[in-house]
PDB file of all heavy atoms in Angstrom:
ATOM      1  N   ILE A   1       0.858  -1.183   0.000  1.00  0.00           N
ATOM      2  CA  ILE A   1       0.000   0.000   0.000  1.00  0.00           C
ATOM      3  C   ILE A   1       0.896   1.235   0.000  1.00  0.00           C
ATOM      4  O   ILE A   1       2.080   1.156   0.305  1.00  0.00           O
ATOM      5  CB  ILE A   1      -0.993  -0.002   1.193  1.00  0.00           C
ATOM      6  CG1 ILE A   1      -0.287  -0.036   2.543  1.00  0.00           C
ATOM      7  CG2 ILE A   1      -1.974  -1.146   1.044  1.00  0.00           C
ATOM      8  CD1 ILE A   1      -1.222   0.059   3.737  1.00  0.00           C
ATOM      9  N   SER A   2       0.323   2.358  -0.333  1.00  0.00           N
ATOM     10  CA  SER A   2       1.122   3.572  -0.507  1.00  0.00           C
ATOM     11  C   SER A   2       1.809   4.001   0.789  1.00  0.00           C
ATOM     12  O   SER A   2       1.349   3.703   1.888  1.00  0.00           O
ATOM     13  CB  SER A   2       0.255   4.712  -1.038  1.00  0.00           C
ATOM     14  OG  SER A   2      -0.477   5.322  -0.001  1.00  0.00           O
ATOM     15  N   GLY A   3       2.889   4.724   0.631  1.00  0.00           N
ATOM     16  CA  GLY A   3       3.649   5.243   1.770  1.00  0.00           C
ATOM     17  C   GLY A   3       2.896   6.313   2.541  1.00  0.00           C
ATOM     18  O   GLY A   3       3.316   6.705   3.627  1.00  0.00           O
ATOM     19  N   PHE A   4       1.782   6.775   2.011  1.00  0.00           N
ATOM     20  CA  PHE A   4       0.921   7.711   2.739  1.00  0.00           C
ATOM     21  C   PHE A   4      -0.088   6.922   3.581  1.00  0.00           C
ATOM     22  O   PHE A   4      -0.430   7.298   4.684  1.00  0.00           O
ATOM     23  CB  PHE A   4       0.157   8.620   1.765  1.00  0.00           C
ATOM     24  CG  PHE A   4       1.045   9.396   0.841  1.00  0.00           C
ATOM     25  CD1 PHE A   4       1.141   9.042  -0.504  1.00  0.00           C
ATOM     26  CD2 PHE A   4       1.789  10.467   1.293  1.00  0.00           C
ATOM     27  CE1 PHE A   4       1.968   9.742  -1.365  1.00  0.00           C
ATOM     28  CE2 PHE A   4       2.620  11.171   0.437  1.00  0.00           C
ATOM     29  CZ  PHE A   4       2.712  10.811  -0.891  1.00  0.00           C
ATOM     30  N   MET A   5      -0.562   5.824   3.014  1.00  0.00           N
ATOM     31  CA  MET A   5      -1.617   5.034   3.641  1.00  0.00           C
ATOM     32  C   MET A   5      -1.118   4.263   4.865  1.00  0.00           C
ATOM     33  O   MET A   5      -1.791   4.230   5.893  1.00  0.00           O
ATOM     34  CB  MET A   5      -2.183   4.065   2.591  1.00  0.00           C
ATOM     35  CG  MET A   5      -3.453   3.385   2.979  1.00  0.00           C
ATOM     36  SD  MET A   5      -4.794   4.557   2.863  1.00  0.00           S
ATOM     37  CE  MET A   5      -6.188   3.476   2.849  1.00  0.00           C
ATOM     38  N   LYS A   6       0.045   3.645   4.755  1.00  0.00           N
ATOM     39  CA  LYS A   6       0.520   2.780   5.836  1.00  0.00           C
ATOM     40  C   LYS A   6       0.691   3.500   7.170  1.00  0.00           C
ATOM     41  O   LYS A   6       0.143   3.052   8.175  1.00  0.00           O
ATOM     42  CB  LYS A   6       1.807   2.068   5.444  1.00  0.00           C
ATOM     43  CG  LYS A   6       2.292   1.154   6.584  1.00  0.00           C
ATOM     44  CD  LYS A   6       3.193   0.080   6.143  1.00  0.00           C
ATOM     45  CE  LYS A   6       3.659  -0.854   7.217  1.00  0.00           C
ATOM     46  NZ  LYS A   6       3.102  -0.786   8.534  1.00  0.00           N
ATOM     47  N   PRO A   7       1.439   4.615   7.244  1.00  0.00           N
ATOM     48  CA  PRO A   7       1.583   5.250   8.563  1.00  0.00           C
ATOM     49  C   PRO A   7       0.255   5.801   9.085  1.00  0.00           C
ATOM     50  O   PRO A   7       0.008   5.789  10.293  1.00  0.00           O
ATOM     51  CB  PRO A   7       2.604   6.363   8.333  1.00  0.00           C
ATOM     52  CG  PRO A   7       2.670   6.574   6.869  1.00  0.00           C
ATOM     53  CD  PRO A   7       2.250   5.285   6.230  1.00  0.00           C
ATOM     54  N   LEU A   8      -0.604   6.260   8.188  1.00  0.00           N
ATOM     55  CA  LEU A   8      -1.915   6.760   8.623  1.00  0.00           C
ATOM     56  C   LEU A   8      -2.704   5.634   9.284  1.00  0.00           C
ATOM     57  O   LEU A   8      -3.227   5.801  10.392  1.00  0.00           O
ATOM     58  CB  LEU A   8      -2.703   7.327   7.437  1.00  0.00           C
ATOM     59  CG  LEU A   8      -4.106   7.775   7.834  1.00  0.00           C
ATOM     60  CD1 LEU A   8      -4.206   9.288   7.841  1.00  0.00           C
ATOM     61  CD2 LEU A   8      -5.140   7.167   6.927  1.00  0.00           C
ATOM     62  N   LEU A   9      -2.788   4.494   8.618  1.00  0.00           N
ATOM     63  CA  LEU A   9      -3.563   3.387   9.173  1.00  0.00           C
ATOM     64  C   LEU A   9      -2.894   2.789  10.400  1.00  0.00           C
ATOM     65  O   LEU A   9      -3.582   2.442  11.368  1.00  0.00           O
ATOM     66  CB  LEU A   9      -3.802   2.321   8.112  1.00  0.00           C
ATOM     67  CG  LEU A   9      -4.690   2.749   6.942  1.00  0.00           C
ATOM     68  CD1 LEU A   9      -4.848   1.610   5.952  1.00  0.00           C
ATOM     69  CD2 LEU A   9      -6.038   3.257   7.420  1.00  0.00           C
ATOM     70  N   ASP A  10      -1.573   2.664  10.395  1.00  0.00           N
ATOM     71  CA  ASP A  10      -0.866   2.152  11.579  1.00  0.00           C
ATOM     72  C   ASP A  10      -1.235   2.976  12.812  1.00  0.00           C
ATOM     73  O   ASP A  10      -1.617   2.430  13.848  1.00  0.00           O
ATOM     74  CB  ASP A  10       0.651   2.226  11.399  1.00  0.00           C
ATOM     75  CG  ASP A  10       1.216   1.143  10.501  1.00  0.00           C
ATOM     76  OD1 ASP A  10       0.475   0.223  10.085  1.00  0.00           O
ATOM     77  OD2 ASP A  10       2.432   1.219  10.211  1.00  0.00           O
ATOM     78  N   ARG A  11      -1.119   4.269  12.689  1.00  0.00           N
ATOM     79  CA  ARG A  11      -1.369   5.140  13.843  1.00  0.00           C
ATOM     80  C   ARG A  11      -2.837   5.252  14.177  1.00  0.00           C
ATOM     81  O   ARG A  11      -3.223   5.260  15.349  1.00  0.00           O
ATOM     82  CB  ARG A  11      -0.749   6.517  13.608  1.00  0.00           C
ATOM     83  CG  ARG A  11       0.771   6.477  13.701  1.00  0.00           C
ATOM     84  CD  ARG A  11       1.448   7.818  13.486  1.00  0.00           C
ATOM     85  NE  ARG A  11       0.717   8.946  13.956  1.00  0.00           N
ATOM     86  CZ  ARG A  11       0.549  10.075  13.240  1.00  0.00           C
ATOM     87  NH1 ARG A  11       1.098  10.203  12.035  1.00  0.00           N
ATOM     88  NH2 ARG A  11      -0.136  11.085  13.734  1.00  0.00           N
ATOM     89  N   ALA A  12      -3.696   5.353  13.171  1.00  0.00           N
ATOM     90  CA  ALA A  12      -5.133   5.499  13.438  1.00  0.00           C
ATOM     91  C   ALA A  12      -5.694   4.262  14.131  1.00  0.00           C
ATOM     92  O   ALA A  12      -6.402   4.368  15.142  1.00  0.00           O
ATOM     93  CB  ALA A  12      -5.890   5.775  12.145  1.00  0.00           C
ATOM     94  N   PHE A  13      -5.363   3.085  13.608  1.00  0.00           N
ATOM     95  CA  PHE A  13      -5.890   1.867  14.214  1.00  0.00           C
ATOM     96  C   PHE A  13      -5.279   1.619  15.591  1.00  0.00           C
ATOM     97  O   PHE A  13      -5.962   1.151  16.499  1.00  0.00           O
ATOM     98  CB  PHE A  13      -5.695   0.671  13.275  1.00  0.00           C
ATOM     99  CG  PHE A  13      -6.783   0.570  12.238  1.00  0.00           C
ATOM    100  CD1 PHE A  13      -6.720   1.324  11.078  1.00  0.00           C
ATOM    101  CD2 PHE A  13      -7.875  -0.260  12.434  1.00  0.00           C
ATOM    102  CE1 PHE A  13      -7.725   1.253  10.123  1.00  0.00           C
ATOM    103  CE2 PHE A  13      -8.882  -0.350  11.489  1.00  0.00           C
ATOM    104  CZ  PHE A  13      -8.813   0.408  10.327  1.00  0.00           C
ATOM    105  N   TYR A  14      -4.001   1.959  15.757  1.00  0.00           N
ATOM    106  CA  TYR A  14      -3.362   1.778  17.064  1.00  0.00           C
ATOM    107  C   TYR A  14      -3.947   2.751  18.095  1.00  0.00           C
ATOM    108  O   TYR A  14      -4.277   2.349  19.218  1.00  0.00           O
ATOM    109  CB  TYR A  14      -1.843   1.969  16.948  1.00  0.00           C
ATOM    110  CG  TYR A  14      -1.099   1.598  18.200  1.00  0.00           C
ATOM    111  CD1 TYR A  14      -0.976   0.268  18.590  1.00  0.00           C
ATOM    112  CD2 TYR A  14      -0.520   2.576  19.005  1.00  0.00           C
ATOM    113  CE1 TYR A  14      -0.291  -0.079  19.746  1.00  0.00           C
ATOM    114  CE2 TYR A  14       0.166   2.238  20.157  1.00  0.00           C
ATOM    115  CZ  TYR A  14       0.273   0.908  20.521  1.00  0.00           C
ATOM    116  OH  TYR A  14       0.948   0.563  21.670  1.00  0.00           O
ATOM    117  N   ALA A  15      -4.092   4.020  17.724  1.00  0.00           N
ATOM    118  CA  ALA A  15      -4.659   5.011  18.645  1.00  0.00           C
ATOM    119  C   ALA A  15      -6.099   4.662  19.007  1.00  0.00           C
ATOM    120  O   ALA A  15      -6.521   4.820  20.153  1.00  0.00           O
ATOM    121  CB  ALA A  15      -4.582   6.409  18.037  1.00  0.00           C
ATOM    122  N   ASP A  16      -6.840   4.162  18.027  1.00  0.00           N
ATOM    123  CA  ASP A  16      -8.227   3.760  18.279  1.00  0.00           C
ATOM    124  C   ASP A  16      -8.270   2.607  19.275  1.00  0.00           C
ATOM    125  O   ASP A  16      -9.054   2.620  20.222  1.00  0.00           O
ATOM    126  CB  ASP A  16      -8.887   3.359  16.956  1.00  0.00           C
ATOM    127  CG  ASP A  16     -10.340   2.991  17.127  1.00  0.00           C
ATOM    128  OD1 ASP A  16     -11.112   3.830  17.621  1.00  0.00           O
ATOM    129  OD2 ASP A  16     -10.713   1.853  16.772  1.00  0.00           O
ATOM    130  N   LEU A  17      -7.410   1.623  19.071  1.00  0.00           N
ATOM    131  CA  LEU A  17      -7.363   0.468  19.964  1.00  0.00           C
ATOM    132  C   LEU A  17      -6.887   0.862  21.364  1.00  0.00           C
ATOM    133  O   LEU A  17      -7.530   0.539  22.366  1.00  0.00           O
ATOM    134  CB  LEU A  17      -6.423  -0.592  19.381  1.00  0.00           C
ATOM    135  CG  LEU A  17      -6.179  -1.829  20.232  1.00  0.00           C
ATOM    136  CD1 LEU A  17      -7.451  -2.664  20.339  1.00  0.00           C
ATOM    137  CD2 LEU A  17      -5.041  -2.653  19.659  1.00  0.00           C
ATOM    138  N   GLN A  18      -5.767   1.579  21.437  1.00  0.00           N
ATOM    139  CA  GLN A  18      -5.207   1.960  22.733  1.00  0.00           C
ATOM    140  C   GLN A  18      -6.121   2.918  23.496  1.00  0.00           C
ATOM    141  O   GLN A  18      -6.224   2.826  24.715  1.00  0.00           O
ATOM    142  CB  GLN A  18      -3.823   2.602  22.552  1.00  0.00           C
ATOM    143  CG  GLN A  18      -2.756   1.641  22.097  1.00  0.00           C
ATOM    144  CD  GLN A  18      -2.515   0.540  23.124  1.00  0.00           C
ATOM    145  OE1 GLN A  18      -2.310   0.795  24.309  1.00  0.00           O
ATOM    146  NE2 GLN A  18      -2.550  -0.696  22.663  1.00  0.00           N
ATOM    147  N   GLY A  19      -6.760   3.829  22.768  1.00  0.00           N
ATOM    148  CA  GLY A  19      -7.648   4.796  23.408  1.00  0.00           C
ATOM    149  C   GLY A  19      -9.043   4.268  23.659  1.00  0.00           C
ATOM    150  O   GLY A  19      -9.896   4.966  24.195  1.00  0.00           O
ATOM    151  N   ASN A  20      -9.283   3.004  23.254  1.00  0.00           N
ATOM    152  CA  ASN A  20     -10.578   2.360  23.461  1.00  0.00           C
ATOM    153  C   ASN A  20     -11.736   3.175  22.876  1.00  0.00           C
ATOM    154  O   ASN A  20     -12.803   3.251  23.464  1.00  0.00           O
ATOM    155  CB  ASN A  20     -10.810   2.064  24.944  1.00  0.00           C
ATOM    156  CG  ASN A  20     -11.816   0.960  25.144  1.00  0.00           C
ATOM    157  OD1 ASN A  20     -11.958   0.078  24.299  1.00  0.00           O
ATOM    158  ND2 ASN A  20     -12.521   1.017  26.254  1.00  0.00           N
ATOM    159  N   ARG A  21     -11.482   3.787  21.725  1.00  0.00           N
ATOM    160  CA  ARG A  21     -12.525   4.594  21.074  1.00  0.00           C
ATOM    161  C   ARG A  21     -13.507   3.734  20.290  1.00  0.00           C
ATOM    162  O   ARG A  21     -14.673   4.053  20.197  1.00  0.00           O
ATOM    163  CB  ARG A  21     -11.893   5.623  20.132  1.00  0.00           C
ATOM    164  CG  ARG A  21     -11.231   6.765  20.862  1.00  0.00           C
ATOM    165  CD  ARG A  21     -10.627   7.766  19.925  1.00  0.00           C
ATOM    166  NE  ARG A  21     -11.620   8.503  19.170  1.00  0.00           N
ATOM    167  CZ  ARG A  21     -11.368   9.624  18.517  1.00  0.00           C
ATOM    168  NH1 ARG A  21     -10.165  10.132  18.526  1.00  0.00           N
ATOM    169  NH2 ARG A  21     -12.305  10.243  17.845  1.00  0.00           N
ATOM    170  N   ASN A  22     -13.011   2.695  19.662  1.00  0.00           N
ATOM    171  CA  ASN A  22     -13.833   1.798  18.860  1.00  0.00           C
ATOM    172  C   ASN A  22     -14.557   2.490  17.699  1.00  0.00           C
ATOM    173  O   ASN A  22     -15.704   2.180  17.410  1.00  0.00           O
ATOM    174  CB  ASN A  22     -14.850   1.058  19.734  1.00  0.00           C
ATOM    175  CG  ASN A  22     -14.176   0.107  20.687  1.00  0.00           C
ATOM    176  OD1 ASN A  22     -13.258  -0.600  20.326  1.00  0.00           O
ATOM    177  ND2 ASN A  22     -14.610   0.124  21.936  1.00  0.00           N
ATOM    178  N   VAL A  23     -13.879   3.423  17.044  1.00  0.00           N
ATOM    179  CA  VAL A  23     -14.508   4.105  15.903  1.00  0.00           C
ATOM    180  C   VAL A  23     -14.576   3.204  14.674  1.00  0.00           C
ATOM    181  O   VAL A  23     -15.365   3.459  13.769  1.00  0.00           O
ATOM    182  CB  VAL A  23     -13.818   5.446  15.543  1.00  0.00           C
ATOM    183  CG1 VAL A  23     -13.868   6.410  16.708  1.00  0.00           C
ATOM    184  CG2 VAL A  23     -12.409   5.246  15.054  1.00  0.00           C
ATOM    185  N   PHE A  24     -13.777   2.148  14.635  1.00  0.00           N
ATOM    186  CA  PHE A  24     -13.789   1.232  13.501  1.00  0.00           C
ATOM    187  C   PHE A  24     -14.550  -0.059  13.813  1.00  0.00           C
ATOM    188  O   PHE A  24     -15.149  -0.653  12.932  1.00  0.00           O
ATOM    189  CB  PHE A  24     -12.350   0.873  13.095  1.00  0.00           C
ATOM    190  CG  PHE A  24     -11.536   2.051  12.681  1.00  0.00           C
ATOM    191  CD1 PHE A  24     -10.446   2.465  13.446  1.00  0.00           C
ATOM    192  CD2 PHE A  24     -11.830   2.766  11.532  1.00  0.00           C
ATOM    193  CE1 PHE A  24      -9.676   3.548  13.056  1.00  0.00           C
ATOM    194  CE2 PHE A  24     -11.071   3.853  11.140  1.00  0.00           C
ATOM    195  CZ  PHE A  24      -9.995   4.247  11.904  1.00  0.00           C
ATOM    196  N   ARG A  25     -14.525  -0.482  15.041  1.00  0.00           N
ATOM    197  CA  ARG A  25     -15.057  -1.788  15.448  1.00  0.00           C
ATOM    198  C   ARG A  25     -16.494  -1.998  14.988  1.00  0.00           C
ATOM    199  O   ARG A  25     -17.365  -1.167  15.196  1.00  0.00           O
ATOM    200  CB  ARG A  25     -14.966  -1.927  16.962  1.00  0.00           C
ATOM    201  CG  ARG A  25     -15.337  -3.290  17.457  1.00  0.00           C
ATOM    202  CD  ARG A  25     -15.052  -3.446  18.946  1.00  0.00           C
ATOM    203  NE  ARG A  25     -15.338  -4.784  19.366  1.00  0.00           N
ATOM    204  CZ  ARG A  25     -16.529  -5.160  19.850  1.00  0.00           C
ATOM    205  NH1 ARG A  25     -17.494  -4.278  19.998  1.00  0.00           N
ATOM    206  NH2 ARG A  25     -16.725  -6.416  20.188  1.00  0.00           N
ATOM    207  N   LEU A  26     -16.694  -3.134  14.340  1.00  0.00           N
ATOM    208  CA  LEU A  26     -17.985  -3.633  13.862  1.00  0.00           C
ATOM    209  C   LEU A  26     -18.624  -2.814  12.734  1.00  0.00           C
ATOM    210  O   LEU A  26     -19.771  -3.061  12.371  1.00  0.00           O
ATOM    211  CB  LEU A  26     -18.970  -3.816  15.018  1.00  0.00           C
ATOM    212  CG  LEU A  26     -18.506  -4.780  16.115  1.00  0.00           C
ATOM    213  CD1 LEU A  26     -19.538  -4.877  17.222  1.00  0.00           C
ATOM    214  CD2 LEU A  26     -18.192  -6.160  15.548  1.00  0.00           C
ATOM    215  N   LYS A  27     -17.885  -1.866  12.188  1.00  0.00           N
ATOM    216  CA  LYS A  27     -18.384  -1.146  11.015  1.00  0.00           C
ATOM    217  C   LYS A  27     -17.961  -1.919   9.773  1.00  0.00           C
ATOM    218  O   LYS A  27     -16.798  -2.313   9.654  1.00  0.00           O
ATOM    219  CB  LYS A  27     -17.815   0.272  10.956  1.00  0.00           C
ATOM    220  CG  LYS A  27     -18.357   1.163  12.033  1.00  0.00           C
ATOM    221  CD  LYS A  27     -17.836   2.572  11.905  1.00  0.00           C
ATOM    222  CE  LYS A  27     -18.420   3.409  13.034  1.00  0.00           C
ATOM    223  NZ  LYS A  27     -17.967   4.791  12.977  1.00  0.00           N
ATOM    224  N   PRO A  28     -18.880  -2.163   8.844  1.00  0.00           N
ATOM    225  CA  PRO A  28     -18.493  -2.861   7.618  1.00  0.00           C
ATOM    226  C   PRO A  28     -17.382  -2.110   6.886  1.00  0.00           C
ATOM    227  O   PRO A  28     -17.372  -0.875   6.852  1.00  0.00           O
ATOM    228  CB  PRO A  28     -19.774  -2.873   6.785  1.00  0.00           C
ATOM    229  CG  PRO A  28     -20.872  -2.666   7.763  1.00  0.00           C
ATOM    230  CD  PRO A  28     -20.298  -1.820   8.865  1.00  0.00           C
ATOM    231  N   ALA A  29     -16.456  -2.878   6.331  1.00  0.00           N
ATOM    232  CA  ALA A  29     -15.323  -2.289   5.607  1.00  0.00           C
ATOM    233  C   ALA A  29     -15.114  -3.033   4.292  1.00  0.00           C
ATOM    234  O   ALA A  29     -15.403  -4.220   4.179  1.00  0.00           O
ATOM    235  CB  ALA A  29     -14.056  -2.368   6.449  1.00  0.00           C
ATOM    236  N   ALA A  30     -14.610  -2.307   3.332  1.00  0.00           N
ATOM    237  CA  ALA A  30     -14.160  -2.903   2.074  1.00  0.00           C
ATOM    238  C   ALA A  30     -12.807  -2.295   1.763  1.00  0.00           C
ATOM    239  O   ALA A  30     -12.488  -1.195   2.227  1.00  0.00           O
ATOM    240  CB  ALA A  30     -15.151  -2.633   0.952  1.00  0.00           C
ATOM    241  N   VAL A  31     -12.016  -3.010   0.995  1.00  0.00           N
ATOM    242  CA  VAL A  31     -10.707  -2.502   0.600  1.00  0.00           C
ATOM    243  C   VAL A  31     -10.538  -2.648  -0.905  1.00  0.00           C
ATOM    244  O   VAL A  31     -11.058  -3.582  -1.511  1.00  0.00           O
ATOM    245  CB  VAL A  31      -9.550  -3.214   1.347  1.00  0.00           C
ATOM    246  CG1 VAL A  31      -9.671  -3.014   2.844  1.00  0.00           C
ATOM    247  CG2 VAL A  31      -9.497  -4.680   1.025  1.00  0.00           C
ATOM    248  N   VAL A  32      -9.817  -1.690  -1.484  1.00  0.00           N
ATOM    249  CA  VAL A  32      -9.588  -1.644  -2.928  1.00  0.00           C
ATOM    250  C   VAL A  32      -8.138  -1.238  -3.158  1.00  0.00           C
ATOM    251  O   VAL A  32      -7.640  -0.333  -2.495  1.00  0.00           O
ATOM    252  CB  VAL A  32     -10.521  -0.597  -3.581  1.00  0.00           C
ATOM    253  CG1 VAL A  32     -10.156  -0.354  -5.024  1.00  0.00           C
ATOM    254  CG2 VAL A  32     -11.972  -1.005  -3.442  1.00  0.00           C
ATOM    255  N   VAL A  33      -7.468  -1.914  -4.079  1.00  0.00           N
ATOM    256  CA  VAL A  33      -6.120  -1.512  -4.475  1.00  0.00           C
ATOM    257  C   VAL A  33      -6.080  -1.317  -5.984  1.00  0.00           C
ATOM    258  O   VAL A  33      -6.798  -1.971  -6.732  1.00  0.00           O
ATOM    259  CB  VAL A  33      -5.039  -2.520  -4.023  1.00  0.00           C
ATOM    260  CG1 VAL A  33      -4.938  -2.554  -2.504  1.00  0.00           C
ATOM    261  CG2 VAL A  33      -5.279  -3.905  -4.580  1.00  0.00           C
ATOM    262  N   VAL A  34      -5.219  -0.398  -6.401  1.00  0.00           N
ATOM    263  CA  VAL A  34      -5.112  -0.059  -7.814  1.00  0.00           C
ATOM    264  C   VAL A  34      -3.644   0.011  -8.193  1.00  0.00           C
ATOM    265  O   VAL A  34      -2.845   0.644  -7.499  1.00  0.00           O
ATOM    266  CB  VAL A  34      -5.779   1.307  -8.091  1.00  0.00           C
ATOM    267  CG1 VAL A  34      -5.702   1.658  -9.557  1.00  0.00           C
ATOM    268  CG2 VAL A  34      -7.227   1.307  -7.617  1.00  0.00           C
ATOM    269  N   SER A  35      -3.290  -0.660  -9.286  1.00  0.00           N
ATOM    270  CA  SER A  35      -1.912  -0.602  -9.747  1.00  0.00           C
ATOM    271  C   SER A  35      -1.871  -0.551 -11.265  1.00  0.00           C
ATOM    272  O   SER A  35      -2.866  -0.831 -11.932  1.00  0.00           O
ATOM    273  CB  SER A  35      -1.118  -1.821  -9.268  1.00  0.00           C
ATOM    274  OG  SER A  35      -1.427  -2.954 -10.043  1.00  0.00           O
ATOM    275  N   ARG A  36      -0.684  -0.244 -11.759  1.00  0.00           N
ATOM    276  CA  ARG A  36      -0.488  -0.262 -13.200  1.00  0.00           C
ATOM    277  C   ARG A  36      -0.587  -1.687 -13.712  1.00  0.00           C
ATOM    278  O   ARG A  36      -1.233  -1.961 -14.695  1.00  0.00           O
ATOM    279  CB  ARG A  36       0.870   0.345 -13.578  1.00  0.00           C
ATOM    280  CG  ARG A  36       1.115   0.364 -15.074  1.00  0.00           C
ATOM    281  CD  ARG A  36       2.527   0.798 -15.412  1.00  0.00           C
ATOM    282  NE  ARG A  36       3.529  -0.171 -15.033  1.00  0.00           N
ATOM    283  CZ  ARG A  36       3.862  -1.242 -15.754  1.00  0.00           C
ATOM    284  NH1 ARG A  36       3.256  -1.495 -16.881  1.00  0.00           N
ATOM    285  NH2 ARG A  36       4.790  -2.063 -15.328  1.00  0.00           N
ATOM    286  N   ARG A  37       0.084  -2.610 -13.000  1.00  0.00           N
ATOM    287  CA  ARG A  37       0.135  -3.972 -13.516  1.00  0.00           C
ATOM    288  C   ARG A  37       0.219  -5.035 -12.419  1.00  0.00           C
ATOM    289  O   ARG A  37      -0.546  -5.964 -12.397  1.00  0.00           O
ATOM    290  CB  ARG A  37       1.321  -4.112 -14.463  1.00  0.00           C
ATOM    291  CG  ARG A  37       1.411  -5.440 -15.140  1.00  0.00           C
ATOM    292  CD  ARG A  37       2.498  -5.442 -16.209  1.00  0.00           C
ATOM    293  NE  ARG A  37       2.571  -6.723 -16.833  1.00  0.00           N
ATOM    294  CZ  ARG A  37       1.983  -7.020 -17.973  1.00  0.00           C
ATOM    295  NH1 ARG A  37       1.258  -6.120 -18.597  1.00  0.00           N
ATOM    296  NH2 ARG A  37       2.110  -8.214 -18.494  1.00  0.00           N
ATOM    297  N   ALA A  38       1.200  -4.941 -11.544  1.00  0.00           N
ATOM    298  CA  ALA A  38       1.447  -6.030 -10.594  1.00  0.00           C
ATOM    299  C   ALA A  38       1.546  -5.490  -9.167  1.00  0.00           C
ATOM    300  O   ALA A  38       1.558  -4.297  -8.944  1.00  0.00           O
ATOM    301  CB  ALA A  38       2.744  -6.751 -10.970  1.00  0.00           C
TER     302      ALA A  38
END
């Protein structure tokens, strides 16, 4: 994944978990990736 996406998600998911906010928990999620070829 992009070098912008990884640190954002690492910190957001960690802060959410550690802070017990649960802003992501049990919300439906989908993921999409896009590349030129491989």
